[in-house]
Amino acid sequence: MTAERTGGVWNIVPTPFLPDGTLDERSLATLANFVLATGVTGMTILAVLGEAAKIGDDERARVIDGILGTTAGRMPVCVGVTHASTDRAVAYAREAERAGAHSVMLAPPPLARPTDAALRRHYLAVTEAITIPVVVQDHPASSGVLMTAEFMAALAEEAPRAGIVKLEDEPSPPKVRKLRELAPGVSILGGLGGAMLLEELAAGADGTMTGFGFPEVLVAIVRRWFAGDADGAALLFDRFATLIRFESQPFASLAIRKLVYQRRGAIAHPTVRQPVGQLAPVTVEALDWLLRRLRLEGPMLEPGALLGDLLRDPVGH
């Protein structure tokens, strides 16, 4: 399958754990149903936010089955398959396709001497092993590997299934613009918690694939943008920019987002797998204060209610 043009908002979700750190399989269903109600285009599992590096192969299979069993074709699901080994990445990709995933996401493996030739072999091995699209994740901050716009454009030309790029090389807008010029048919999704969403859209992005505890905000922004209402999209972004910034704090973003998902009823516990520090009380207090200021309390924690409110009133009168 050639990767069809993909846009909108793809919500990268956390993996739920019980307080003892074991997989919370019951919360997989509530999480999937929650995301279904937010109006997003699709869902991405087992990415960095999903703590994929801390999850064993048996647990991977249970996460995939739990999410895809609940969505049951009602929403496309992208599965992260990044691994240091090409063979393991291929195996993960095949597993995801067999389970019914819409696509897989693959970041570069850590290489002592990353070269375009080595990266090309890695990506081609995965794209040739499956028939579903491969999302090329360009996030040097986590992978340690820099991929040029020219490399990704050439890869998409050679392997059309690799025609979706999740572009998170900061500053992202210039690279979005360059990749759009080099490869007009490639789907470009931003990330980075939505921090540069407006600028990425203006540079030619088709949407975003990112973790954010209130994905309805991003949905409303993207819908207004592509409806031709750039000013309305900007009003919404400005209204929630402080929350986007707060959730994106280095070394705390995962724990903050898990707490938000727990507060919203999507998962039962905000547990982050060890080794990780707990959120400082001052951080939790700051989050509570911020949510009160934005009136993200009570009924507004419900995804359906929040999305409707955002689409009606971008300013929040």
Foldseek 3Di string as FASTA:
>chain_A
DFDAADFWEEAEDAFFADPVRHGDLVLLLLLLVQVLQQPTQAYEELDVLNVVVVDDPVVLLSSLCSNCVNCVPVHAYEYEQEDLDLVSSLVVLVSNVVSPHQEYEYEAHADPDDDLVVSLVSVVSNLVSDPHAYEYEQACVPRVDHDALVSQLVSCVVRSSHQHYAAEDPVGLVRLLVNCVSHVRGAYAYELLCLCQLSSVVSPHRYHYYHDLNCLLRNLLNVCVVVVNNVLSVLLCVLCNVRSVLCNDPLCNSLVSLVSCCQLVSHVDSDDDPPHDHDDPVSVVVVVVVCVVSVCDDPNSRSNVVNVVCNVDSNND
